[in-house]
Amino acid sequence: MTKGRLKVQLACALFVGALSSAALAQSYPAKPIRLVVPLAPGGGGDLVARLIAQRISEPLGQSVVVDNRPGGSTIIGTELVARSQPDGYTLVMATSSHGINPSLYKLPFDPVKDFSGVCFFATSPMMLTLHPSVPAKTVSELIAVAKANPGKLNFGSSGTASIVHLAGELFNLSAGVKTVHIPYKGTGPALIDLLGGQIDMMFASPVPTIPHVKSGRLRAIAMASLQRSRAMPELPTVAESGFPGFEAATFFVVLGPANMPAAVVNRLSTEMIKASQLPDVRNRLSTEGAVVVGGTPQQAIAHIESEIARWAKVVKATGIKAN
């Protein structure tokens, strides 16, 4: 085959590919889309998934069905999507577990290579919250108390190796202190004991915690985000309190199987980013303590990679094991 003929064939192949991509973009979606939430109904991931589904169904011209598939620390539902056809009809709402699990389990999928990024929708930063009996009103004061009483302060979590647990361990490592982890079966029981003074502090989700802070039953001293929260703008961040880059937040990233057509990814991403900018969506999420990102497919994958690296360091340094 001559070089000239080869060039012509390559050009034709690229032209046909471009036509096929354009046709696919026009015809997609031709049936309902399933958005898998690998968590039980009612949590943050479920809330964000349903917001997205409601707002993109009309512009896409097809219903987006939320399918809760809890179990296995989100691994069961996530694997289902990783193994599905990369046609844009099966997606997954990835949350903090997607960034933590690689350090704890031998996964049946690669958390990055087996997925296509679609949209980095939002984050939900943790709030460093104390029982009022702890004599500290700032991060620096808390560190001073912890250093003066090594091993005496404790912090609760929603379970071993949860984002709440790892946030507490990241604080220990960053501040050079030793506070003792007390795991619970869920955020609710931990919050009850924090209110009762059975535990001293917790990196808590703002949603159930803010009302108790406003009533004076709990004391919030910092947000574990890089910017201050719209829900609690008076609170400094841990980062601005002397620990640059400190961040501990649940993220909400939509992924699909690897090798999804670019035209399909772009269509989905465009509609999700538009949805993230809607005033009612932004207001709803801000009242829940979340921060809208509206990030691109590339930002979605980059954030997951950074979270995997962040929590791998904490797991390695502390020797945390999955239950």
C-alpha atoms as a PDB file:
ATOM      1  CA  MET A   1       0.000   0.000   0.000  1.00  0.00           C
ATOM      2  CA  THR A   2       1.419   3.407  -1.000  1.00  0.00           C
ATOM      3  CA  LYS A   3       1.780   6.178   1.535  1.00  0.00           C
ATOM      4  CA  GLY A   4      -0.658   8.293  -0.470  1.00  0.00           C
ATOM      5  CA  ARG A   5      -3.375   5.634  -0.369  1.00  0.00           C
ATOM      6  CA  LEU A   6      -2.795   5.075   3.344  1.00  0.00           C
ATOM      7  CA  LYS A   7      -3.259   8.784   4.022  1.00  0.00           C
ATOM      8  CA  VAL A   8      -6.494   8.802   2.033  1.00  0.00           C
ATOM      9  CA  GLN A   9      -7.848   5.803   3.961  1.00  0.00           C
ATOM     10  CA  LEU A  10      -6.944   7.374   7.300  1.00  0.00           C
ATOM     11  CA  ALA A  11      -8.625  10.610   6.295  1.00  0.00           C
ATOM     12  CA  CYS A  12     -11.757   8.704   5.244  1.00  0.00           C
ATOM     13  CA  ALA A  13     -11.800   6.781   8.515  1.00  0.00           C
ATOM     14  CA  LEU A  14     -11.557  10.013  10.497  1.00  0.00           C
ATOM     15  CA  PHE A  15     -14.333  11.574   8.410  1.00  0.00           C
ATOM     16  CA  VAL A  16     -16.620   8.577   8.916  1.00  0.00           C
ATOM     17  CA  GLY A  17     -15.811   8.608  12.633  1.00  0.00           C
ATOM     18  CA  ALA A  18     -16.721  12.273  12.864  1.00  0.00           C
ATOM     19  CA  LEU A  19     -20.009  11.656  11.048  1.00  0.00           C
ATOM     20  CA  SER A  20     -20.800   8.715  13.349  1.00  0.00           C
ATOM     21  CA  SER A  21     -20.031  10.820  16.426  1.00  0.00           C
ATOM     22  CA  ALA A  22     -22.252  13.640  15.193  1.00  0.00           C
ATOM     23  CA  ALA A  23     -25.067  11.207  14.445  1.00  0.00           C
ATOM     24  CA  LEU A  24     -24.704   9.630  17.865  1.00  0.00           C
ATOM     25  CA  ALA A  25     -24.862  13.034  19.537  1.00  0.00           C
ATOM     26  CA  GLN A  26     -28.113  13.796  17.705  1.00  0.00           C
ATOM     27  CA  SER A  27     -29.765  10.437  18.447  1.00  0.00           C
ATOM     28  CA  TYR A  28     -28.666  10.132  22.099  1.00  0.00           C
ATOM     29  CA  PRO A  29     -30.500   9.418  24.317  1.00  0.00           C
ATOM     30  CA  ALA A  30     -33.030   7.140  22.673  1.00  0.00           C
ATOM     31  CA  LYS A  31     -34.209   5.469  25.892  1.00  0.00           C
ATOM     32  CA  PRO A  32     -34.239   6.119  29.668  1.00  0.00           C
ATOM     33  CA  ILE A  33     -30.921   6.538  31.481  1.00  0.00           C
ATOM     34  CA  ARG A  34     -30.148   4.734  34.728  1.00  0.00           C
ATOM     35  CA  LEU A  35     -28.194   6.615  37.400  1.00  0.00           C
ATOM     36  CA  VAL A  36     -26.975   4.068  39.954  1.00  0.00           C
ATOM     37  CA  VAL A  37     -26.530   5.265  43.522  1.00  0.00           C
ATOM     38  CA  PRO A  38     -24.425   2.640  45.360  1.00  0.00           C
ATOM     39  CA  LEU A  39     -25.931   3.775  48.665  1.00  0.00           C
ATOM     40  CA  ALA A  40     -29.212   3.452  50.506  1.00  0.00           C
ATOM     41  CA  PRO A  41     -31.941   6.043  49.817  1.00  0.00           C
ATOM     42  CA  GLY A  42     -32.005   9.201  51.886  1.00  0.00           C
ATOM     43  CA  GLY A  43     -28.330  10.143  52.075  1.00  0.00           C
ATOM     44  CA  GLY A  44     -26.377  12.910  50.377  1.00  0.00           C
ATOM     45  CA  GLY A  45     -25.480  10.887  47.296  1.00  0.00           C
ATOM     46  CA  ASP A  46     -29.114   9.932  46.820  1.00  0.00           C
ATOM     47  CA  LEU A  47     -30.261  13.554  47.231  1.00  0.00           C
ATOM     48  CA  VAL A  48     -27.780  14.895  44.674  1.00  0.00           C
ATOM     49  CA  ALA A  49     -28.530  12.087  42.213  1.00  0.00           C
ATOM     50  CA  ARG A  50     -32.264  12.828  42.360  1.00  0.00           C
ATOM     51  CA  LEU A  51     -31.651  16.555  41.894  1.00  0.00           C
ATOM     52  CA  ILE A  52     -29.580  15.809  38.787  1.00  0.00           C
ATOM     53  CA  ALA A  53     -32.115  13.308  37.438  1.00  0.00           C
ATOM     54  CA  GLN A  54     -34.979  15.769  37.814  1.00  0.00           C
ATOM     55  CA  ARG A  55     -33.145  18.646  36.146  1.00  0.00           C
ATOM     56  CA  ILE A  56     -31.637  16.861  33.128  1.00  0.00           C
ATOM     57  CA  SER A  57     -34.559  14.617  32.145  1.00  0.00           C
ATOM     58  CA  GLU A  58     -36.431  17.362  30.292  1.00  0.00           C
ATOM     59  CA  PRO A  59     -33.533  18.772  28.230  1.00  0.00           C
ATOM     60  CA  LEU A  60     -32.407  15.232  27.343  1.00  0.00           C
ATOM     61  CA  GLY A  61     -35.924  14.232  26.342  1.00  0.00           C
ATOM     62  CA  GLN A  62     -35.705  10.989  28.338  1.00  0.00           C
ATOM     63  CA  SER A  63     -36.320  10.042  31.951  1.00  0.00           C
ATOM     64  CA  VAL A  64     -33.310   9.542  34.214  1.00  0.00           C
ATOM     65  CA  VAL A  65     -34.080   6.816  36.732  1.00  0.00           C
ATOM     66  CA  VAL A  66     -32.237   6.696  40.067  1.00  0.00           C
ATOM     67  CA  ASP A  67     -31.414   3.100  41.005  1.00  0.00           C
ATOM     68  CA  ASN A  68     -30.224   2.556  44.592  1.00  0.00           C
ATOM     69  CA  ARG A  69     -27.822  -0.403  44.815  1.00  0.00           C
ATOM     70  CA  PRO A  70     -26.302  -0.266  48.320  1.00  0.00           C
ATOM     71  CA  GLY A  71     -23.847  -2.776  49.722  1.00  0.00           C
ATOM     72  CA  GLY A  72     -20.180  -3.618  49.997  1.00  0.00           C
ATOM     73  CA  SER A  73     -19.079  -0.084  50.856  1.00  0.00           C
ATOM     74  CA  THR A  74     -20.498   1.100  47.483  1.00  0.00           C
ATOM     75  CA  ILE A  75     -18.503  -1.562  45.616  1.00  0.00           C
ATOM     76  CA  ILE A  76     -21.525  -3.597  44.464  1.00  0.00           C
ATOM     77  CA  GLY A  77     -23.328  -0.792  42.667  1.00  0.00           C
ATOM     78  CA  THR A  78     -20.125   0.718  41.318  1.00  0.00           C
ATOM     79  CA  GLU A  79     -18.964  -2.584  39.824  1.00  0.00           C
ATOM     80  CA  LEU A  80     -22.331  -2.958  38.106  1.00  0.00           C
ATOM     81  CA  VAL A  81     -21.659   0.280  36.227  1.00  0.00           C
ATOM     82  CA  ALA A  82     -18.006  -0.515  35.508  1.00  0.00           C
ATOM     83  CA  ARG A  83     -19.123  -3.738  33.785  1.00  0.00           C
ATOM     84  CA  SER A  84     -22.040  -2.216  31.847  1.00  0.00           C
ATOM     85  CA  GLN A  85     -22.078  -1.208  28.197  1.00  0.00           C
ATOM     86  CA  PRO A  86     -20.315   2.153  27.646  1.00  0.00           C
ATOM     87  CA  ASP A  87     -23.277   3.581  25.766  1.00  0.00           C
ATOM     88  CA  GLY A  88     -24.270   6.344  28.191  1.00  0.00           C
ATOM     89  CA  TYR A  89     -27.355   4.597  29.530  1.00  0.00           C
ATOM     90  CA  THR A  90     -25.824   3.434  32.818  1.00  0.00           C
ATOM     91  CA  LEU A  91     -24.075   5.920  35.114  1.00  0.00           C
ATOM     92  CA  VAL A  92     -23.005   5.963  38.756  1.00  0.00           C
ATOM     93  CA  MET A  93     -22.998   8.617  41.471  1.00  0.00           C
ATOM     94  CA  ALA A  94     -19.525   8.240  42.977  1.00  0.00           C
ATOM     95  CA  THR A  95     -18.956   9.625  46.472  1.00  0.00           C
ATOM     96  CA  SER A  96     -16.117   9.670  49.021  1.00  0.00           C
ATOM     97  CA  SER A  97     -15.981   5.873  49.236  1.00  0.00           C
ATOM     98  CA  HIS A  98     -14.772   5.817  45.630  1.00  0.00           C
ATOM     99  CA  GLY A  99     -11.660   7.679  46.773  1.00  0.00           C
ATOM    100  CA  ILE A 100     -11.173   5.733  50.009  1.00  0.00           C
ATOM    101  CA  ASN A 101     -11.882   2.131  48.959  1.00  0.00           C
ATOM    102  CA  PRO A 102      -8.730   1.665  46.820  1.00  0.00           C
ATOM    103  CA  SER A 103      -6.639   1.926  50.002  1.00  0.00           C
ATOM    104  CA  LEU A 104      -8.747  -0.606  51.890  1.00  0.00           C
ATOM    105  CA  TYR A 105      -9.903  -3.292  49.459  1.00  0.00           C
ATOM    106  CA  LYS A 106      -8.786  -5.312  46.475  1.00  0.00           C
ATOM    107  CA  LEU A 107     -11.381  -3.890  44.136  1.00  0.00           C
ATOM    108  CA  PRO A 108     -12.953  -5.775  41.199  1.00  0.00           C
ATOM    109  CA  PHE A 109     -12.395  -2.673  39.061  1.00  0.00           C
ATOM    110  CA  ASP A 110      -9.905   0.152  38.654  1.00  0.00           C
ATOM    111  CA  PRO A 111     -11.456   3.279  40.232  1.00  0.00           C
ATOM    112  CA  VAL A 112     -10.036   5.511  37.494  1.00  0.00           C
ATOM    113  CA  LYS A 113      -9.239   3.475  34.361  1.00  0.00           C
ATOM    114  CA  ASP A 114     -12.550   1.582  34.331  1.00  0.00           C
ATOM    115  CA  PHE A 115     -14.633   4.773  34.267  1.00  0.00           C
ATOM    116  CA  SER A 116     -15.378   7.792  32.111  1.00  0.00           C
ATOM    117  CA  GLY A 117     -15.709  11.105  33.911  1.00  0.00           C
ATOM    118  CA  VAL A 118     -18.992  12.898  33.279  1.00  0.00           C
ATOM    119  CA  CYS A 119     -19.405  15.699  35.840  1.00  0.00           C
ATOM    120  CA  PHE A 120     -17.877  16.810  39.145  1.00  0.00           C
ATOM    121  CA  PHE A 121     -21.181  18.092  40.518  1.00  0.00           C
ATOM    122  CA  ALA A 122     -20.603  19.139  44.140  1.00  0.00           C
ATOM    123  CA  THR A 123     -18.825  18.557  47.426  1.00  0.00           C
ATOM    124  CA  SER A 124     -20.074  18.438  51.017  1.00  0.00           C
ATOM    125  CA  PRO A 125     -17.325  19.489  53.447  1.00  0.00           C
ATOM    126  CA  MET A 126     -17.184  18.215  56.995  1.00  0.00           C
ATOM    127  CA  MET A 127     -17.578  20.646  59.916  1.00  0.00           C
ATOM    128  CA  LEU A 128     -15.292  20.316  62.957  1.00  0.00           C
ATOM    129  CA  THR A 129     -17.771  20.308  65.818  1.00  0.00           C
ATOM    130  CA  LEU A 130     -17.195  20.101  69.587  1.00  0.00           C
ATOM    131  CA  HIS A 131     -19.301  19.426  72.636  1.00  0.00           C
ATOM    132  CA  PRO A 132     -19.440  22.694  74.651  1.00  0.00           C
ATOM    133  CA  SER A 133     -17.583  21.018  77.534  1.00  0.00           C
ATOM    134  CA  VAL A 134     -14.386  21.069  75.453  1.00  0.00           C
ATOM    135  CA  PRO A 135     -12.599  24.325  76.379  1.00  0.00           C
ATOM    136  CA  ALA A 136     -11.746  25.417  72.853  1.00  0.00           C
ATOM    137  CA  LYS A 137     -13.304  27.930  70.479  1.00  0.00           C
ATOM    138  CA  THR A 138     -10.717  27.828  67.706  1.00  0.00           C
ATOM    139  CA  VAL A 139      -8.605  25.209  65.955  1.00  0.00           C
ATOM    140  CA  SER A 140      -5.446  26.454  67.677  1.00  0.00           C
ATOM    141  CA  GLU A 141      -7.127  26.257  71.085  1.00  0.00           C
ATOM    142  CA  LEU A 142      -8.315  22.713  70.336  1.00  0.00           C
ATOM    143  CA  ILE A 143      -4.795  21.676  69.383  1.00  0.00           C
ATOM    144  CA  ALA A 144      -3.457  23.175  72.613  1.00  0.00           C
ATOM    145  CA  VAL A 145      -6.014  21.222  74.663  1.00  0.00           C
ATOM    146  CA  ALA A 146      -5.210  18.006  72.780  1.00  0.00           C
ATOM    147  CA  LYS A 147      -1.457  18.430  73.255  1.00  0.00           C
ATOM    148  CA  ALA A 148      -1.896  19.154  76.953  1.00  0.00           C
ATOM    149  CA  ASN A 149      -4.048  16.017  77.328  1.00  0.00           C
ATOM    150  CA  PRO A 150      -2.655  13.419  74.893  1.00  0.00           C
ATOM    151  CA  GLY A 151      -5.053  10.534  74.278  1.00  0.00           C
ATOM    152  CA  LYS A 152      -7.816  12.011  76.448  1.00  0.00           C
ATOM    153  CA  LEU A 153      -9.899  13.751  73.787  1.00  0.00           C
ATOM    154  CA  ASN A 154     -11.914  11.522  71.497  1.00  0.00           C
ATOM    155  CA  PHE A 155     -13.764  11.938  68.228  1.00  0.00           C
ATOM    156  CA  GLY A 156     -16.745  10.059  66.847  1.00  0.00           C
ATOM    157  CA  SER A 157     -17.391   8.841  63.329  1.00  0.00           C
ATOM    158  CA  SER A 158     -20.061   7.154  61.258  1.00  0.00           C
ATOM    159  CA  GLY A 159     -17.884   4.042  61.091  1.00  0.00           C
ATOM    160  CA  THR A 160     -14.326   2.816  60.651  1.00  0.00           C
ATOM    161  CA  ALA A 161     -12.736   4.019  57.397  1.00  0.00           C
ATOM    162  CA  SER A 162     -15.616   6.399  56.687  1.00  0.00           C
ATOM    163  CA  ILE A 163     -14.867   9.919  55.456  1.00  0.00           C
ATOM    164  CA  VAL A 164     -15.737  11.158  58.973  1.00  0.00           C
ATOM    165  CA  HIS A 165     -13.175   8.795  60.523  1.00  0.00           C
ATOM    166  CA  LEU A 166     -10.467   9.678  58.017  1.00  0.00           C
ATOM    167  CA  ALA A 167     -11.101  13.395  58.526  1.00  0.00           C
ATOM    168  CA  GLY A 168     -10.365  12.955  62.236  1.00  0.00           C
ATOM    169  CA  GLU A 169      -7.209  10.981  61.513  1.00  0.00           C
ATOM    170  CA  LEU A 170      -6.083  13.589  58.970  1.00  0.00           C
ATOM    171  CA  PHE A 171      -6.493  16.223  61.675  1.00  0.00           C
ATOM    172  CA  ASN A 172      -4.410  14.154  64.098  1.00  0.00           C
ATOM    173  CA  LEU A 173      -1.638  13.799  61.519  1.00  0.00           C
ATOM    174  CA  SER A 174      -1.742  17.425  60.399  1.00  0.00           C
ATOM    175  CA  ALA A 175      -1.823  18.919  63.908  1.00  0.00           C
ATOM    176  CA  GLY A 176       0.521  16.418  65.513  1.00  0.00           C
ATOM    177  CA  VAL A 177      -2.007  15.419  68.163  1.00  0.00           C
ATOM    178  CA  LYS A 178      -3.517  12.166  69.380  1.00  0.00           C
ATOM    179  CA  THR A 179      -7.268  12.029  69.758  1.00  0.00           C
ATOM    180  CA  VAL A 180      -8.995   8.667  70.065  1.00  0.00           C
ATOM    181  CA  HIS A 181     -11.395   7.379  67.429  1.00  0.00           C
ATOM    182  CA  ILE A 182     -14.820   6.122  68.571  1.00  0.00           C
ATOM    183  CA  PRO A 183     -16.686   4.448  65.679  1.00  0.00           C
ATOM    184  CA  TYR A 184     -20.485   4.288  65.440  1.00  0.00           C
ATOM    185  CA  LYS A 185     -22.892   2.600  63.074  1.00  0.00           C
ATOM    186  CA  GLY A 186     -23.904   5.739  61.255  1.00  0.00           C
ATOM    187  CA  THR A 187     -23.795   9.500  61.710  1.00  0.00           C
ATOM    188  CA  GLY A 188     -27.048   9.599  63.697  1.00  0.00           C
ATOM    189  CA  PRO A 189     -25.859   7.602  66.734  1.00  0.00           C
ATOM    190  CA  ALA A 190     -22.533   9.480  66.768  1.00  0.00           C
ATOM    191  CA  LEU A 191     -24.313  12.830  66.713  1.00  0.00           C
ATOM    192  CA  ILE A 192     -26.575  11.762  69.590  1.00  0.00           C
ATOM    193  CA  ASP A 193     -23.542  10.916  71.728  1.00  0.00           C
ATOM    194  CA  LEU A 194     -21.816  14.154  70.718  1.00  0.00           C
ATOM    195  CA  LEU A 195     -24.892  16.069  71.886  1.00  0.00           C
ATOM    196  CA  GLY A 196     -24.855  14.077  75.129  1.00  0.00           C
ATOM    197  CA  GLY A 197     -21.165  14.683  75.780  1.00  0.00           C
ATOM    198  CA  GLN A 198     -20.211  10.996  75.533  1.00  0.00           C
ATOM    199  CA  ILE A 199     -17.737  12.008  72.808  1.00  0.00           C
ATOM    200  CA  ASP A 200     -15.796  15.265  72.574  1.00  0.00           C
ATOM    201  CA  MET A 201     -15.811  16.137  68.905  1.00  0.00           C
ATOM    202  CA  MET A 202     -16.515  15.030  65.354  1.00  0.00           C
ATOM    203  CA  PHE A 203     -16.015  16.097  61.771  1.00  0.00           C
ATOM    204  CA  ALA A 204     -19.748  16.123  61.177  1.00  0.00           C
ATOM    205  CA  SER A 205     -21.947  16.623  58.153  1.00  0.00           C
ATOM    206  CA  PRO A 206     -23.356  20.170  58.349  1.00  0.00           C
ATOM    207  CA  VAL A 207     -26.915  19.150  57.462  1.00  0.00           C
ATOM    208  CA  PRO A 208     -27.950  17.468  60.738  1.00  0.00           C
ATOM    209  CA  THR A 209     -25.455  19.446  62.821  1.00  0.00           C
ATOM    210  CA  ILE A 210     -26.054  23.128  62.010  1.00  0.00           C
ATOM    211  CA  PRO A 211     -29.388  23.320  63.921  1.00  0.00           C
ATOM    212  CA  HIS A 212     -27.636  22.118  67.100  1.00  0.00           C
ATOM    213  CA  VAL A 213     -24.815  24.617  66.571  1.00  0.00           C
ATOM    214  CA  LYS A 214     -27.287  27.460  66.189  1.00  0.00           C
ATOM    215  CA  SER A 215     -29.132  26.361  69.345  1.00  0.00           C
ATOM    216  CA  GLY A 216     -25.869  26.324  71.327  1.00  0.00           C
ATOM    217  CA  ARG A 217     -25.935  22.599  72.071  1.00  0.00           C
ATOM    218  CA  LEU A 218     -22.789  22.110  69.965  1.00  0.00           C
ATOM    219  CA  ARG A 219     -19.875  24.373  69.000  1.00  0.00           C
ATOM    220  CA  ALA A 220     -18.565  24.440  65.424  1.00  0.00           C
ATOM    221  CA  ILE A 221     -15.029  25.818  65.120  1.00  0.00           C
ATOM    222  CA  ALA A 222     -14.012  25.208  61.492  1.00  0.00           C
ATOM    223  CA  MET A 223     -15.006  23.855  58.090  1.00  0.00           C
ATOM    224  CA  ALA A 224     -12.868  21.177  56.438  1.00  0.00           C
ATOM    225  CA  SER A 225     -13.082  22.927  53.061  1.00  0.00           C
ATOM    226  CA  LEU A 226     -10.748  25.180  51.121  1.00  0.00           C
ATOM    227  CA  GLN A 227     -13.299  28.022  51.095  1.00  0.00           C
ATOM    228  CA  ARG A 228     -15.773  29.116  53.726  1.00  0.00           C
ATOM    229  CA  SER A 229     -19.263  27.663  53.580  1.00  0.00           C
ATOM    230  CA  ARG A 230     -22.224  29.728  52.378  1.00  0.00           C
ATOM    231  CA  ALA A 231     -24.273  27.985  55.069  1.00  0.00           C
ATOM    232  CA  MET A 232     -21.873  29.112  57.860  1.00  0.00           C
ATOM    233  CA  PRO A 233     -19.813  32.010  56.427  1.00  0.00           C
ATOM    234  CA  GLU A 234     -18.606  33.114  59.860  1.00  0.00           C
ATOM    235  CA  LEU A 235     -16.729  29.831  60.371  1.00  0.00           C
ATOM    236  CA  PRO A 236     -13.050  29.792  59.338  1.00  0.00           C
ATOM    237  CA  THR A 237     -11.673  26.765  57.528  1.00  0.00           C
ATOM    238  CA  VAL A 238      -9.122  24.383  58.995  1.00  0.00           C
ATOM    239  CA  ALA A 239      -6.918  25.384  56.056  1.00  0.00           C
ATOM    240  CA  GLU A 240      -6.923  29.079  56.988  1.00  0.00           C
ATOM    241  CA  SER A 241      -6.367  28.131  60.635  1.00  0.00           C
ATOM    242  CA  GLY A 242      -2.807  27.099  59.873  1.00  0.00           C
ATOM    243  CA  PHE A 243      -3.132  23.951  57.751  1.00  0.00           C
ATOM    244  CA  PRO A 244      -3.054  24.929  54.057  1.00  0.00           C
ATOM    245  CA  GLY A 245      -4.685  22.378  51.783  1.00  0.00           C
ATOM    246  CA  PHE A 246      -6.593  20.633  54.590  1.00  0.00           C
ATOM    247  CA  GLU A 247      -9.774  19.274  53.085  1.00  0.00           C
ATOM    248  CA  ALA A 248     -12.193  16.524  54.080  1.00  0.00           C
ATOM    249  CA  ALA A 249     -15.405  16.408  52.109  1.00  0.00           C
ATOM    250  CA  THR A 250     -17.787  13.988  50.507  1.00  0.00           C
ATOM    251  CA  PHE A 251     -17.758  14.520  46.766  1.00  0.00           C
ATOM    252  CA  PHE A 252     -20.505  13.909  44.224  1.00  0.00           C
ATOM    253  CA  VAL A 253     -19.082  12.863  40.865  1.00  0.00           C
ATOM    254  CA  VAL A 254     -21.025  11.251  38.036  1.00  0.00           C
ATOM    255  CA  LEU A 255     -19.142   8.542  36.150  1.00  0.00           C
ATOM    256  CA  GLY A 256     -19.905   6.108  33.359  1.00  0.00           C
ATOM    257  CA  PRO A 257     -18.086   2.997  32.143  1.00  0.00           C
ATOM    258  CA  ALA A 258     -14.735   3.464  30.430  1.00  0.00           C
ATOM    259  CA  ASN A 259     -14.695   4.228  26.707  1.00  0.00           C
ATOM    260  CA  MET A 260     -17.994   6.067  26.506  1.00  0.00           C
ATOM    261  CA  PRO A 261     -18.286   7.960  23.200  1.00  0.00           C
ATOM    262  CA  ALA A 262     -17.054  11.536  23.531  1.00  0.00           C
ATOM    263  CA  ALA A 263     -20.279  12.883  22.023  1.00  0.00           C
ATOM    264  CA  VAL A 264     -22.347  11.142  24.715  1.00  0.00           C
ATOM    265  CA  VAL A 265     -20.052  12.298  27.533  1.00  0.00           C
ATOM    266  CA  ASN A 266     -20.223  15.860  26.248  1.00  0.00           C
ATOM    267  CA  ARG A 267     -24.013  15.794  26.006  1.00  0.00           C
ATOM    268  CA  LEU A 268     -24.417  14.508  29.554  1.00  0.00           C
ATOM    269  CA  SER A 269     -21.740  16.768  30.969  1.00  0.00           C
ATOM    270  CA  THR A 270     -23.226  19.862  29.330  1.00  0.00           C
ATOM    271  CA  GLU A 271     -26.681  19.229  30.771  1.00  0.00           C
ATOM    272  CA  MET A 272     -25.351  18.415  34.249  1.00  0.00           C
ATOM    273  CA  ILE A 273     -23.199  21.536  34.358  1.00  0.00           C
ATOM    274  CA  LYS A 274     -26.220  23.595  33.283  1.00  0.00           C
ATOM    275  CA  ALA A 275     -28.270  21.956  36.039  1.00  0.00           C
ATOM    276  CA  SER A 276     -25.600  22.791  38.617  1.00  0.00           C
ATOM    277  CA  GLN A 277     -25.994  26.487  37.808  1.00  0.00           C
ATOM    278  CA  LEU A 278     -29.769  26.597  38.320  1.00  0.00           C
ATOM    279  CA  PRO A 279     -30.624  28.899  41.271  1.00  0.00           C
ATOM    280  CA  ASP A 280     -32.952  26.384  42.921  1.00  0.00           C
ATOM    281  CA  VAL A 281     -30.307  23.637  42.728  1.00  0.00           C
ATOM    282  CA  ARG A 282     -27.585  25.885  44.136  1.00  0.00           C
ATOM    283  CA  ASN A 283     -29.853  27.149  46.915  1.00  0.00           C
ATOM    284  CA  ARG A 284     -31.004  23.654  47.832  1.00  0.00           C
ATOM    285  CA  LEU A 285     -27.478  22.311  48.048  1.00  0.00           C
ATOM    286  CA  SER A 286     -26.122  25.324  49.944  1.00  0.00           C
ATOM    287  CA  THR A 287     -28.798  24.884  52.618  1.00  0.00           C
ATOM    288  CA  GLU A 288     -27.581  21.285  52.911  1.00  0.00           C
ATOM    289  CA  GLY A 289     -24.028  22.522  53.493  1.00  0.00           C
ATOM    290  CA  ALA A 290     -22.853  21.451  50.033  1.00  0.00           C
ATOM    291  CA  VAL A 291     -20.758  23.434  47.553  1.00  0.00           C
ATOM    292  CA  VAL A 292     -21.706  23.304  43.880  1.00  0.00           C
ATOM    293  CA  VAL A 293     -18.738  22.706  41.571  1.00  0.00           C
ATOM    294  CA  GLY A 294     -20.207  22.016  38.126  1.00  0.00           C
ATOM    295  CA  GLY A 295     -16.916  20.553  36.933  1.00  0.00           C
ATOM    296  CA  THR A 296     -16.013  19.001  33.596  1.00  0.00           C
ATOM    297  CA  PRO A 297     -15.357  15.287  32.904  1.00  0.00           C
ATOM    298  CA  GLN A 298     -11.624  15.990  33.184  1.00  0.00           C
ATOM    299  CA  GLN A 299     -12.094  17.696  36.559  1.00  0.00           C
ATOM    300  CA  ALA A 300     -14.183  14.738  37.735  1.00  0.00           C
ATOM    301  CA  ILE A 301     -11.393  12.251  37.075  1.00  0.00           C
ATOM    302  CA  ALA A 302      -8.707  14.602  38.418  1.00  0.00           C
ATOM    303  CA  HIS A 303     -10.610  15.021  41.683  1.00  0.00           C
ATOM    304  CA  ILE A 304     -10.996  11.279  42.146  1.00  0.00           C
ATOM    305  CA  GLU A 305      -7.268  10.793  41.541  1.00  0.00           C
ATOM    306  CA  SER A 306      -6.437  13.464  44.122  1.00  0.00           C
ATOM    307  CA  GLU A 307      -8.813  11.921  46.684  1.00  0.00           C
ATOM    308  CA  ILE A 308      -7.318   8.461  46.194  1.00  0.00           C
ATOM    309  CA  ALA A 309      -3.850   9.897  46.806  1.00  0.00           C
ATOM    310  CA  ARG A 310      -4.998  11.965  49.815  1.00  0.00           C
ATOM    311  CA  TRP A 311      -6.641   9.131  51.702  1.00  0.00           C
ATOM    312  CA  ALA A 312      -3.996   6.547  50.769  1.00  0.00           C
ATOM    313  CA  LYS A 313      -1.496   8.603  52.786  1.00  0.00           C
ATOM    314  CA  VAL A 314      -3.815   8.705  55.805  1.00  0.00           C
ATOM    315  CA  VAL A 315      -4.628   4.985  55.658  1.00  0.00           C
ATOM    316  CA  LYS A 316      -0.944   4.097  55.345  1.00  0.00           C
ATOM    317  CA  ALA A 317       0.144   6.399  58.157  1.00  0.00           C
ATOM    318  CA  THR A 318      -2.520   5.178  60.578  1.00  0.00           C
ATOM    319  CA  GLY A 319      -2.777   1.523  59.579  1.00  0.00           C
ATOM    320  CA  ILE A 320      -6.564   1.707  59.263  1.00  0.00           C
ATOM    321  CA  LYS A 321      -8.189  -1.549  58.199  1.00  0.00           C
ATOM    322  CA  ALA A 322     -11.677  -2.037  56.775  1.00  0.00           C
ATOM    323  CA  ASN A 323     -14.129  -3.823  59.065  1.00  0.00           C
END
